[in-house]
Amino acid sequence: MKKYKLLSKFLFILLLSLVLTSCKSEGSIGNNAPEPTIKIKNIAENANPDANTFVFSGSDNSSFFKEVFWSKSEKNNFYKGQIKTNDINIDETFNKEKIIESPLPKKYELTASLNVSAVKPNMILGKLKDDLGQEYTWEQPFKRESVDHNYVIDLPSFKGKTAKIAIRFVWLNNKECYGVADQLFILKKQ
């Protein structure tokens, strides 16, 4: 009888530890920062259902993804740079990359998604510079509105016709930063 009680306690503790471990790890860290898929969807009522979503891709030069820092944080190796604001120099960075303009519908939803197995960033630090020279920065958590919805990026409104956008994804572990990656693209109002 004692054997069964000990065995059941052991199994209970083992099961509890497995549940707690699986709750803590959301995706695998891997060797490189996971590249998000950025999409912009035309949500106007009269939008053409066949052509209402644009996917940004490095293969067609509509975006550029750059890993700034990535560590599995196993050796206390953390990013020492700025993680309060996006400190990227938009003019200098975009002059180095050839990125074509992508459409920005009047009514849109900008979203990011990652492979299901990838570890999710904690926050987004955004920077936008329009063709009038106005610069906007913002910070937002990387979270879903609902389970069946992608991660919405809250793009600020801007006055110019085109805008260069740098989205900085930040991965944290107990407020220490172990990952930073930038996604760059250009939007043109339609």
N, C-alpha and C. Protein backbone atom coordinates (compact mmCIF):
# COMPACT_ATOMS: atom_id res chain seq x y z
N MET A 1 0.82 -1.19 0.00
CA MET A 1 0.00 0.00 0.00
C MET A 1 0.87 1.26 0.00
N LYS A 2 1.97 1.24 0.80
CA LYS A 2 2.86 2.38 0.86
C LYS A 2 3.55 2.59 -0.48
N LYS A 3 3.86 1.47 -1.18
CA LYS A 3 4.51 1.57 -2.47
C LYS A 3 3.63 2.33 -3.45
N TYR A 4 2.33 2.05 -3.45
CA TYR A 4 1.41 2.71 -4.36
C TYR A 4 1.28 4.19 -4.04
N LYS A 5 1.27 4.55 -2.75
CA LYS A 5 1.20 5.96 -2.37
C LYS A 5 2.47 6.69 -2.81
N LEU A 6 3.62 6.08 -2.59
CA LEU A 6 4.88 6.70 -3.01
C LEU A 6 4.95 6.83 -4.53
N LEU A 7 4.54 5.78 -5.21
CA LEU A 7 4.54 5.80 -6.66
C LEU A 7 3.57 6.86 -7.19
N SER A 8 2.39 6.95 -6.62
CA SER A 8 1.43 7.95 -7.08
C SER A 8 1.92 9.36 -6.79
N LYS A 9 2.58 9.59 -5.64
CA LYS A 9 3.15 10.91 -5.34
C LYS A 9 4.26 11.25 -6.33
N PHE A 10 5.09 10.26 -6.62
CA PHE A 10 6.18 10.47 -7.57
C PHE A 10 5.63 10.83 -8.95
N LEU A 11 4.64 10.07 -9.40
CA LEU A 11 4.04 10.34 -10.71
C LEU A 11 3.36 11.71 -10.75
N PHE A 12 2.72 12.09 -9.66
CA PHE A 12 2.08 13.39 -9.58
C PHE A 12 3.12 14.51 -9.68
N ILE A 13 4.23 14.38 -8.96
CA ILE A 13 5.29 15.40 -9.00
C ILE A 13 5.92 15.45 -10.39
N LEU A 14 6.13 14.30 -10.99
CA LEU A 14 6.69 14.25 -12.33
C LEU A 14 5.75 14.92 -13.34
N LEU A 15 4.48 14.61 -13.26
CA LEU A 15 3.50 15.21 -14.15
C LEU A 15 3.43 16.72 -13.95
N LEU A 16 3.44 17.17 -12.73
CA LEU A 16 3.40 18.60 -12.41
C LEU A 16 4.62 19.32 -12.97
N SER A 17 5.79 18.72 -12.82
CA SER A 17 7.01 19.35 -13.33
C SER A 17 6.99 19.42 -14.86
N LEU A 18 6.47 18.38 -15.51
CA LEU A 18 6.36 18.41 -16.98
C LEU A 18 5.40 19.50 -17.44
N VAL A 19 4.29 19.67 -16.75
CA VAL A 19 3.32 20.71 -17.10
C VAL A 19 3.95 22.08 -16.92
N LEU A 20 4.61 22.30 -15.81
CA LEU A 20 5.25 23.60 -15.55
C LEU A 20 6.34 23.90 -16.56
N THR A 21 7.12 22.92 -16.93
CA THR A 21 8.17 23.12 -17.92
C THR A 21 7.59 23.46 -19.27
N SER A 22 6.54 22.79 -19.67
CA SER A 22 5.94 23.07 -20.98
C SER A 22 5.26 24.43 -20.99
N CYS A 23 4.77 24.92 -19.87
CA CYS A 23 4.15 26.24 -19.82
C CYS A 23 5.20 27.33 -19.95
N LYS A 24 6.38 27.11 -19.41
CA LYS A 24 7.43 28.12 -19.44
C LYS A 24 8.01 28.29 -20.82
N SER A 25 8.20 27.21 -21.55
CA SER A 25 8.86 27.32 -22.85
C SER A 25 7.83 27.49 -23.95
N GLU A 26 7.90 28.65 -24.59
CA GLU A 26 7.00 28.91 -25.71
C GLU A 26 7.84 28.95 -26.97
N GLY A 27 8.04 27.83 -27.57
CA GLY A 27 8.84 27.74 -28.77
C GLY A 27 10.29 27.41 -28.44
N SER A 28 11.02 27.09 -29.50
CA SER A 28 12.43 26.75 -29.32
C SER A 28 13.29 27.95 -29.66
N ILE A 29 14.38 28.14 -28.92
CA ILE A 29 15.22 29.31 -29.11
C ILE A 29 16.01 29.21 -30.41
N GLY A 30 16.61 28.10 -30.69
CA GLY A 30 17.34 27.93 -31.94
C GLY A 30 18.64 28.72 -31.99
N ASN A 31 19.32 28.65 -33.12
CA ASN A 31 20.62 29.30 -33.28
C ASN A 31 20.54 30.71 -33.83
N ASN A 32 19.42 31.06 -34.46
CA ASN A 32 19.26 32.39 -35.05
C ASN A 32 17.91 32.97 -34.66
N ALA A 33 17.82 34.27 -34.74
CA ALA A 33 16.54 34.94 -34.48
C ALA A 33 15.54 34.50 -35.54
N PRO A 34 14.34 34.10 -35.14
CA PRO A 34 13.34 33.68 -36.13
C PRO A 34 12.79 34.88 -36.89
N GLU A 35 12.70 34.76 -38.19
CA GLU A 35 12.19 35.87 -39.01
C GLU A 35 10.66 35.85 -39.06
N PRO A 36 10.03 36.94 -38.62
CA PRO A 36 8.57 37.00 -38.68
C PRO A 36 8.10 37.19 -40.13
N THR A 37 6.91 36.72 -40.39
CA THR A 37 6.24 36.99 -41.66
C THR A 37 5.37 38.22 -41.43
N ILE A 38 5.62 39.27 -42.19
CA ILE A 38 4.86 40.52 -42.06
C ILE A 38 3.86 40.56 -43.21
N LYS A 39 2.60 40.85 -42.87
CA LYS A 39 1.54 40.94 -43.87
C LYS A 39 0.77 42.22 -43.67
N ILE A 40 0.29 42.78 -44.77
CA ILE A 40 -0.62 43.91 -44.70
C ILE A 40 -1.88 43.52 -45.47
N LYS A 41 -3.00 43.70 -44.80
CA LYS A 41 -4.28 43.27 -45.38
C LYS A 41 -5.17 44.47 -45.58
N ASN A 42 -5.74 44.56 -46.77
CA ASN A 42 -6.72 45.60 -47.07
C ASN A 42 -8.04 45.19 -46.43
N ILE A 43 -8.51 45.96 -45.46
CA ILE A 43 -9.74 45.60 -44.74
C ILE A 43 -10.92 46.50 -45.12
N ALA A 44 -10.77 47.22 -46.23
CA ALA A 44 -11.89 48.02 -46.72
C ALA A 44 -13.00 47.09 -47.18
N GLU A 45 -14.25 47.56 -47.06
CA GLU A 45 -15.40 46.72 -47.41
C GLU A 45 -15.40 46.30 -48.87
N ASN A 46 -14.90 47.17 -49.75
CA ASN A 46 -14.93 46.86 -51.18
C ASN A 46 -13.63 46.25 -51.69
N ALA A 47 -12.77 45.76 -50.77
CA ALA A 47 -11.48 45.18 -51.16
C ALA A 47 -11.68 43.90 -51.96
N ASN A 48 -10.83 43.72 -52.95
CA ASN A 48 -10.86 42.52 -53.77
C ASN A 48 -10.38 41.35 -52.91
N PRO A 49 -11.22 40.34 -52.67
CA PRO A 49 -10.82 39.22 -51.80
C PRO A 49 -9.62 38.43 -52.32
N ASP A 50 -9.39 38.45 -53.65
CA ASP A 50 -8.28 37.71 -54.22
C ASP A 50 -6.94 38.44 -54.07
N ALA A 51 -6.98 39.74 -53.90
CA ALA A 51 -5.74 40.52 -53.84
C ALA A 51 -5.75 41.50 -52.67
N ASN A 52 -6.21 41.05 -51.51
CA ASN A 52 -6.32 41.98 -50.39
C ASN A 52 -5.22 41.81 -49.35
N THR A 53 -4.27 40.90 -49.55
CA THR A 53 -3.18 40.70 -48.60
C THR A 53 -1.84 40.76 -49.33
N PHE A 54 -0.92 41.54 -48.76
CA PHE A 54 0.43 41.64 -49.31
C PHE A 54 1.39 41.08 -48.27
N VAL A 55 2.23 40.14 -48.67
CA VAL A 55 3.21 39.53 -47.77
C VAL A 55 4.59 40.10 -48.10
N PHE A 56 5.24 40.68 -47.10
CA PHE A 56 6.58 41.23 -47.29
C PHE A 56 7.59 40.10 -47.34
N SER A 57 8.50 40.19 -48.30
CA SER A 57 9.47 39.10 -48.47
C SER A 57 10.82 39.67 -48.88
N GLY A 58 11.86 39.09 -48.34
CA GLY A 58 13.21 39.47 -48.75
C GLY A 58 13.53 38.98 -50.14
N SER A 59 12.88 37.90 -50.56
CA SER A 59 13.17 37.33 -51.88
C SER A 59 12.69 38.23 -53.02
N ASP A 60 11.67 39.06 -52.76
CA ASP A 60 11.22 39.99 -53.81
C ASP A 60 11.61 41.43 -53.47
N ASN A 61 12.52 41.61 -52.52
CA ASN A 61 13.05 42.91 -52.10
C ASN A 61 11.99 43.86 -51.54
N SER A 62 10.89 43.31 -50.99
CA SER A 62 9.90 44.17 -50.35
C SER A 62 10.20 44.37 -48.86
N SER A 63 11.18 43.62 -48.34
CA SER A 63 11.60 43.82 -46.95
C SER A 63 13.01 43.28 -46.76
N PHE A 64 13.59 43.64 -45.63
CA PHE A 64 14.92 43.17 -45.29
C PHE A 64 14.93 42.83 -43.81
N PHE A 65 15.40 41.63 -43.47
CA PHE A 65 15.46 41.18 -42.09
C PHE A 65 16.91 41.11 -41.66
N LYS A 66 17.21 41.68 -40.49
CA LYS A 66 18.58 41.68 -39.99
C LYS A 66 18.60 41.31 -38.52
N GLU A 67 19.35 40.26 -38.20
CA GLU A 67 19.56 39.88 -36.82
C GLU A 67 20.61 40.82 -36.22
N VAL A 68 20.25 41.54 -35.16
CA VAL A 68 21.17 42.45 -34.50
C VAL A 68 21.96 41.72 -33.43
N PHE A 69 21.27 40.88 -32.65
CA PHE A 69 21.92 40.12 -31.58
C PHE A 69 21.07 38.89 -31.30
N TRP A 70 21.75 37.75 -31.06
CA TRP A 70 21.02 36.54 -30.71
C TRP A 70 21.90 35.65 -29.85
N SER A 71 21.39 35.25 -28.70
CA SER A 71 22.11 34.36 -27.80
C SER A 71 21.09 33.47 -27.12
N LYS A 72 21.46 32.24 -26.88
CA LYS A 72 20.56 31.34 -26.17
C LYS A 72 20.47 31.69 -24.70
N SER A 73 21.20 32.71 -24.26
CA SER A 73 21.23 33.23 -22.89
C SER A 73 21.61 32.15 -21.88
N GLU A 74 22.39 31.17 -22.34
CA GLU A 74 22.83 30.10 -21.44
C GLU A 74 24.06 30.50 -20.63
N LYS A 75 24.83 31.48 -21.13
CA LYS A 75 26.07 31.89 -20.47
C LYS A 75 25.99 33.34 -20.01
N ASN A 76 24.81 33.81 -19.65
CA ASN A 76 24.62 35.21 -19.26
C ASN A 76 25.12 36.18 -20.32
N ASN A 77 24.95 35.81 -21.57
CA ASN A 77 25.35 36.64 -22.69
C ASN A 77 24.12 37.40 -23.17
N PHE A 78 23.98 38.66 -22.75
CA PHE A 78 22.80 39.44 -23.07
C PHE A 78 23.16 40.67 -23.88
N TYR A 79 22.19 41.19 -24.60
CA TYR A 79 22.36 42.39 -25.42
C TYR A 79 22.54 43.60 -24.52
N LYS A 80 23.55 44.40 -24.80
CA LYS A 80 23.85 45.57 -23.96
C LYS A 80 23.39 46.87 -24.61
N GLY A 81 22.76 46.79 -25.78
CA GLY A 81 22.33 48.00 -26.49
C GLY A 81 21.01 48.55 -25.99
N GLN A 82 20.50 49.51 -26.71
CA GLN A 82 19.26 50.21 -26.35
C GLN A 82 18.05 49.32 -26.63
N ILE A 83 17.24 49.07 -25.60
CA ILE A 83 16.00 48.31 -25.81
C ILE A 83 14.78 49.08 -25.32
N LYS A 84 14.95 50.37 -25.05
CA LYS A 84 13.81 51.21 -24.65
C LYS A 84 13.20 51.90 -25.87
N THR A 85 14.04 52.25 -26.84
CA THR A 85 13.57 52.86 -28.08
C THR A 85 14.35 52.24 -29.24
N ASN A 86 13.78 52.34 -30.42
CA ASN A 86 14.44 51.85 -31.62
C ASN A 86 15.46 52.90 -32.04
N ASP A 87 16.74 52.60 -31.87
CA ASP A 87 17.78 53.58 -32.15
C ASP A 87 18.39 53.45 -33.54
N ILE A 88 17.72 52.75 -34.44
CA ILE A 88 18.24 52.57 -35.80
C ILE A 88 18.26 53.92 -36.52
N ASN A 89 19.30 54.14 -37.32
CA ASN A 89 19.39 55.32 -38.16
C ASN A 89 18.72 54.97 -39.49
N ILE A 90 17.50 55.46 -39.67
CA ILE A 90 16.69 55.05 -40.83
C ILE A 90 17.37 55.42 -42.15
N ASP A 91 17.84 56.67 -42.29
CA ASP A 91 18.43 57.08 -43.56
C ASP A 91 19.65 56.24 -43.91
N GLU A 92 20.55 56.06 -42.96
CA GLU A 92 21.77 55.29 -43.20
C GLU A 92 21.46 53.82 -43.52
N THR A 93 20.56 53.23 -42.75
CA THR A 93 20.23 51.81 -42.93
C THR A 93 19.53 51.56 -44.25
N PHE A 94 18.54 52.39 -44.60
CA PHE A 94 17.80 52.17 -45.84
C PHE A 94 18.64 52.51 -47.07
N ASN A 95 19.64 53.38 -46.94
CA ASN A 95 20.53 53.67 -48.07
C ASN A 95 21.40 52.47 -48.42
N LYS A 96 21.64 51.59 -47.45
CA LYS A 96 22.47 50.40 -47.69
C LYS A 96 21.68 49.27 -48.34
N GLU A 97 20.37 49.26 -48.16
CA GLU A 97 19.53 48.16 -48.65
C GLU A 97 18.64 48.60 -49.80
N LYS A 98 18.44 47.72 -50.75
CA LYS A 98 17.53 48.01 -51.87
C LYS A 98 16.18 47.38 -51.55
N ILE A 99 15.26 48.23 -51.11
CA ILE A 99 13.92 47.75 -50.74
C ILE A 99 12.90 48.49 -51.59
N ILE A 100 12.02 47.74 -52.25
CA ILE A 100 11.00 48.37 -53.09
C ILE A 100 9.80 48.79 -52.22
N GLU A 101 9.05 49.76 -52.71
CA GLU A 101 7.86 50.23 -51.99
C GLU A 101 6.75 49.18 -52.07
N SER A 102 6.01 49.07 -50.99
CA SER A 102 4.87 48.15 -50.92
C SER A 102 3.60 48.95 -50.69
N PRO A 103 2.45 48.42 -51.11
CA PRO A 103 1.20 49.19 -51.01
C PRO A 103 0.68 49.32 -49.57
N LEU A 104 0.18 50.51 -49.25
CA LEU A 104 -0.49 50.75 -47.97
C LEU A 104 -1.92 51.17 -48.28
N PRO A 105 -2.89 50.26 -48.14
CA PRO A 105 -4.29 50.61 -48.39
C PRO A 105 -4.78 51.66 -47.39
N LYS A 106 -5.89 52.33 -47.74
CA LYS A 106 -6.46 53.34 -46.82
C LYS A 106 -6.90 52.71 -45.51
N LYS A 107 -7.52 51.54 -45.60
CA LYS A 107 -7.92 50.80 -44.40
C LYS A 107 -7.13 49.50 -44.42
N TYR A 108 -6.35 49.28 -43.39
CA TYR A 108 -5.46 48.13 -43.41
C TYR A 108 -5.28 47.56 -42.01
N GLU A 109 -4.70 46.36 -42.00
CA GLU A 109 -4.25 45.72 -40.77
C GLU A 109 -2.87 45.16 -41.06
N LEU A 110 -1.88 45.60 -40.26
CA LEU A 110 -0.51 45.14 -40.39
C LEU A 110 -0.25 44.11 -39.31
N THR A 111 0.19 42.91 -39.71
CA THR A 111 0.38 41.84 -38.73
C THR A 111 1.73 41.16 -38.91
N ALA A 112 2.17 40.50 -37.85
CA ALA A 112 3.38 39.68 -37.88
C ALA A 112 3.03 38.30 -37.36
N SER A 113 3.65 37.30 -37.90
CA SER A 113 3.46 35.95 -37.39
C SER A 113 4.79 35.22 -37.46
N LEU A 114 4.94 34.22 -36.60
CA LEU A 114 6.15 33.42 -36.55
C LEU A 114 5.79 31.96 -36.67
N ASN A 115 6.76 31.17 -37.07
CA ASN A 115 6.59 29.73 -37.09
C ASN A 115 6.11 29.28 -35.72
N VAL A 116 5.22 28.32 -35.67
CA VAL A 116 4.63 27.86 -34.41
C VAL A 116 5.70 27.41 -33.42
N SER A 117 6.77 26.82 -33.90
CA SER A 117 7.81 26.32 -33.00
C SER A 117 8.80 27.39 -32.56
N ALA A 118 8.74 28.59 -33.15
CA ALA A 118 9.70 29.65 -32.83
C ALA A 118 9.32 30.36 -31.54
N VAL A 119 10.34 30.77 -30.79
CA VAL A 119 10.10 31.53 -29.58
C VAL A 119 9.63 32.93 -29.98
N LYS A 120 8.63 33.44 -29.28
CA LYS A 120 8.02 34.72 -29.64
C LYS A 120 8.75 35.88 -28.96
N PRO A 121 8.91 37.02 -29.66
CA PRO A 121 9.50 38.18 -29.01
C PRO A 121 8.53 38.74 -27.96
N ASN A 122 9.05 39.54 -27.06
CA ASN A 122 8.22 40.14 -26.02
C ASN A 122 7.65 41.48 -26.43
N MET A 123 8.43 42.23 -27.23
CA MET A 123 7.96 43.56 -27.61
C MET A 123 8.47 43.97 -28.98
N ILE A 124 7.83 45.02 -29.47
CA ILE A 124 8.19 45.64 -30.74
C ILE A 124 8.56 47.09 -30.44
N LEU A 125 9.69 47.52 -30.99
CA LEU A 125 10.07 48.93 -30.96
C LEU A 125 10.05 49.40 -32.41
N GLY A 126 9.14 50.29 -32.73
CA GLY A 126 8.98 50.71 -34.10
C GLY A 126 9.54 52.10 -34.35
N LYS A 127 9.97 52.32 -35.58
CA LYS A 127 10.41 53.65 -36.02
C LYS A 127 9.95 53.83 -37.45
N LEU A 128 9.38 54.99 -37.74
CA LEU A 128 8.85 55.29 -39.05
C LEU A 128 9.34 56.68 -39.44
N LYS A 129 9.80 56.84 -40.68
CA LYS A 129 10.18 58.15 -41.20
C LYS A 129 9.50 58.33 -42.54
N ASP A 130 8.67 59.39 -42.65
CA ASP A 130 7.96 59.60 -43.91
C ASP A 130 8.77 60.49 -44.85
N ASP A 131 8.28 60.64 -46.09
CA ASP A 131 9.01 61.40 -47.10
C ASP A 131 9.00 62.91 -46.83
N LEU A 132 8.27 63.37 -45.82
CA LEU A 132 8.31 64.77 -45.40
C LEU A 132 9.36 65.00 -44.31
N GLY A 133 10.03 63.93 -43.91
CA GLY A 133 11.08 64.03 -42.90
C GLY A 133 10.60 63.86 -41.47
N GLN A 134 9.31 63.61 -41.29
CA GLN A 134 8.76 63.40 -39.94
C GLN A 134 9.12 62.00 -39.46
N GLU A 135 9.57 61.91 -38.20
CA GLU A 135 9.94 60.62 -37.62
C GLU A 135 9.03 60.30 -36.45
N TYR A 136 8.59 59.06 -36.38
CA TYR A 136 7.70 58.59 -35.33
C TYR A 136 8.31 57.34 -34.72
N THR A 137 8.22 57.21 -33.40
CA THR A 137 8.66 55.99 -32.73
C THR A 137 7.52 55.49 -31.85
N TRP A 138 7.49 54.18 -31.62
CA TRP A 138 6.50 53.61 -30.72
C TRP A 138 7.00 52.31 -30.15
N GLU A 139 6.36 51.91 -29.07
CA GLU A 139 6.66 50.64 -28.40
C GLU A 139 5.34 49.93 -28.16
N GLN A 140 5.34 48.63 -28.33
CA GLN A 140 4.13 47.85 -28.06
C GLN A 140 4.51 46.43 -27.69
N PRO A 141 3.68 45.77 -26.89
CA PRO A 141 3.94 44.36 -26.59
C PRO A 141 3.64 43.52 -27.83
N PHE A 142 4.31 42.40 -27.94
CA PHE A 142 4.06 41.46 -29.04
C PHE A 142 3.05 40.45 -28.50
N LYS A 143 1.78 40.72 -28.74
CA LYS A 143 0.75 39.82 -28.23
C LYS A 143 -0.41 39.74 -29.21
N ARG A 144 -1.13 38.67 -29.09
CA ARG A 144 -2.28 38.43 -29.96
C ARG A 144 -3.54 39.02 -29.36
N GLU A 145 -4.45 39.43 -30.23
CA GLU A 145 -5.76 39.87 -29.76
C GLU A 145 -6.63 38.67 -29.42
N SER A 146 -6.43 37.60 -30.18
CA SER A 146 -7.18 36.36 -29.92
C SER A 146 -6.35 35.19 -30.43
N VAL A 147 -6.73 34.00 -30.08
CA VAL A 147 -5.98 32.80 -30.44
C VAL A 147 -5.89 32.61 -31.96
N ASP A 148 -6.96 32.92 -32.68
CA ASP A 148 -6.97 32.70 -34.12
C ASP A 148 -6.55 33.94 -34.91
N HIS A 149 -5.85 34.85 -34.26
CA HIS A 149 -5.47 36.11 -34.88
C HIS A 149 -3.96 36.28 -34.81
N ASN A 150 -3.36 36.89 -35.84
CA ASN A 150 -1.93 37.17 -35.82
C ASN A 150 -1.62 38.33 -34.88
N TYR A 151 -0.34 38.65 -34.73
CA TYR A 151 0.11 39.73 -33.87
C TYR A 151 0.00 41.05 -34.65
N VAL A 152 -0.85 41.96 -34.18
CA VAL A 152 -1.09 43.22 -34.88
C VAL A 152 0.02 44.21 -34.54
N ILE A 153 0.52 44.89 -35.58
CA ILE A 153 1.50 45.96 -35.40
C ILE A 153 0.76 47.28 -35.52
N ASP A 154 0.85 48.10 -34.48
CA ASP A 154 0.14 49.38 -34.43
C ASP A 154 0.97 50.46 -35.11
N LEU A 155 0.84 50.54 -36.42
CA LEU A 155 1.58 51.52 -37.19
C LEU A 155 0.99 52.91 -36.98
N PRO A 156 1.80 53.92 -36.60
CA PRO A 156 1.24 55.27 -36.42
C PRO A 156 0.87 55.88 -37.77
N SER A 157 -0.12 56.77 -37.76
CA SER A 157 -0.48 57.46 -39.00
C SER A 157 0.61 58.49 -39.30
N PHE A 158 0.83 58.74 -40.57
CA PHE A 158 1.87 59.69 -40.98
C PHE A 158 1.31 60.55 -42.10
N LYS A 159 1.89 61.75 -42.29
CA LYS A 159 1.36 62.72 -43.25
C LYS A 159 1.90 62.54 -44.66
N GLY A 160 3.10 62.03 -44.81
CA GLY A 160 3.70 61.89 -46.13
C GLY A 160 3.02 60.83 -46.98
N LYS A 161 3.51 60.69 -48.22
CA LYS A 161 2.96 59.68 -49.14
C LYS A 161 3.62 58.32 -48.94
N THR A 162 4.92 58.32 -48.63
CA THR A 162 5.64 57.07 -48.38
C THR A 162 6.31 57.13 -47.00
N ALA A 163 6.62 55.96 -46.47
CA ALA A 163 7.28 55.88 -45.16
C ALA A 163 8.23 54.70 -45.13
N LYS A 164 9.41 54.95 -44.57
CA LYS A 164 10.38 53.88 -44.31
C LYS A 164 10.12 53.41 -42.89
N ILE A 165 9.98 52.10 -42.71
CA ILE A 165 9.60 51.55 -41.41
C ILE A 165 10.63 50.52 -40.96
N ALA A 166 11.03 50.66 -39.70
CA ALA A 166 11.95 49.69 -39.07
C ALA A 166 11.24 49.14 -37.84
N ILE A 167 10.92 47.86 -37.89
CA ILE A 167 10.31 47.18 -36.75
C ILE A 167 11.41 46.40 -36.04
N ARG A 168 11.65 46.73 -34.78
CA ARG A 168 12.66 46.02 -33.99
C ARG A 168 11.94 45.05 -33.06
N PHE A 169 12.22 43.75 -33.24
CA PHE A 169 11.66 42.71 -32.38
C PHE A 169 12.66 42.46 -31.25
N VAL A 170 12.16 42.39 -30.01
CA VAL A 170 13.02 42.24 -28.84
C VAL A 170 12.56 41.02 -28.04
N TRP A 171 13.51 40.12 -27.77
CA TRP A 171 13.26 38.92 -26.97
C TRP A 171 13.89 39.12 -25.60
N LEU A 172 13.12 38.92 -24.53
CA LEU A 172 13.60 39.13 -23.17
C LEU A 172 13.49 37.85 -22.36
N ASN A 173 14.35 37.73 -21.36
CA ASN A 173 14.30 36.65 -20.39
C ASN A 173 14.54 37.29 -19.03
N ASN A 174 13.48 37.41 -18.22
CA ASN A 174 13.57 38.08 -16.92
C ASN A 174 14.16 39.48 -17.06
N LYS A 175 13.65 40.25 -18.01
CA LYS A 175 14.04 41.64 -18.28
C LYS A 175 15.46 41.78 -18.84
N GLU A 176 16.13 40.67 -19.10
CA GLU A 176 17.43 40.70 -19.76
C GLU A 176 17.19 40.36 -21.24
N CYS A 177 17.85 41.08 -22.13
CA CYS A 177 17.61 40.92 -23.56
C CYS A 177 18.58 39.92 -24.17
N TYR A 178 18.04 38.86 -24.77
CA TYR A 178 18.90 37.89 -25.44
C TYR A 178 18.69 37.87 -26.94
N GLY A 179 17.79 38.73 -27.46
CA GLY A 179 17.60 38.76 -28.90
C GLY A 179 17.04 40.07 -29.41
N VAL A 180 17.59 40.53 -30.52
CA VAL A 180 17.12 41.74 -31.19
C VAL A 180 17.23 41.51 -32.68
N ALA A 181 16.17 41.83 -33.42
CA ALA A 181 16.19 41.70 -34.88
C ALA A 181 15.34 42.81 -35.49
N ASP A 182 15.78 43.30 -36.63
CA ASP A 182 15.08 44.39 -37.32
C ASP A 182 14.46 43.89 -38.61
N GLN A 183 13.25 44.34 -38.88
CA GLN A 183 12.56 44.08 -40.15
C GLN A 183 12.32 45.45 -40.79
N LEU A 184 12.81 45.64 -42.00
CA LEU A 184 12.72 46.93 -42.69
C LEU A 184 11.83 46.81 -43.91
N PHE A 185 10.97 47.81 -44.12
CA PHE A 185 10.15 47.85 -45.33
C PHE A 185 9.71 49.28 -45.60
N ILE A 186 9.20 49.54 -46.80
CA ILE A 186 8.74 50.86 -47.21
C ILE A 186 7.30 50.73 -47.65
N LEU A 187 6.44 51.65 -47.17
CA LEU A 187 5.03 51.64 -47.55
C LEU A 187 4.67 52.90 -48.30
N LYS A 188 3.82 52.74 -49.32
CA LYS A 188 3.33 53.88 -50.11
C LYS A 188 1.82 53.88 -50.05
N LYS A 189 1.25 55.02 -49.64
CA LYS A 189 -0.21 55.14 -49.53
C LYS A 189 -0.86 54.94 -50.89
N GLN A 190 -1.97 54.19 -50.91
CA GLN A 190 -2.73 53.94 -52.14
C GLN A 190 -3.91 54.87 -52.24
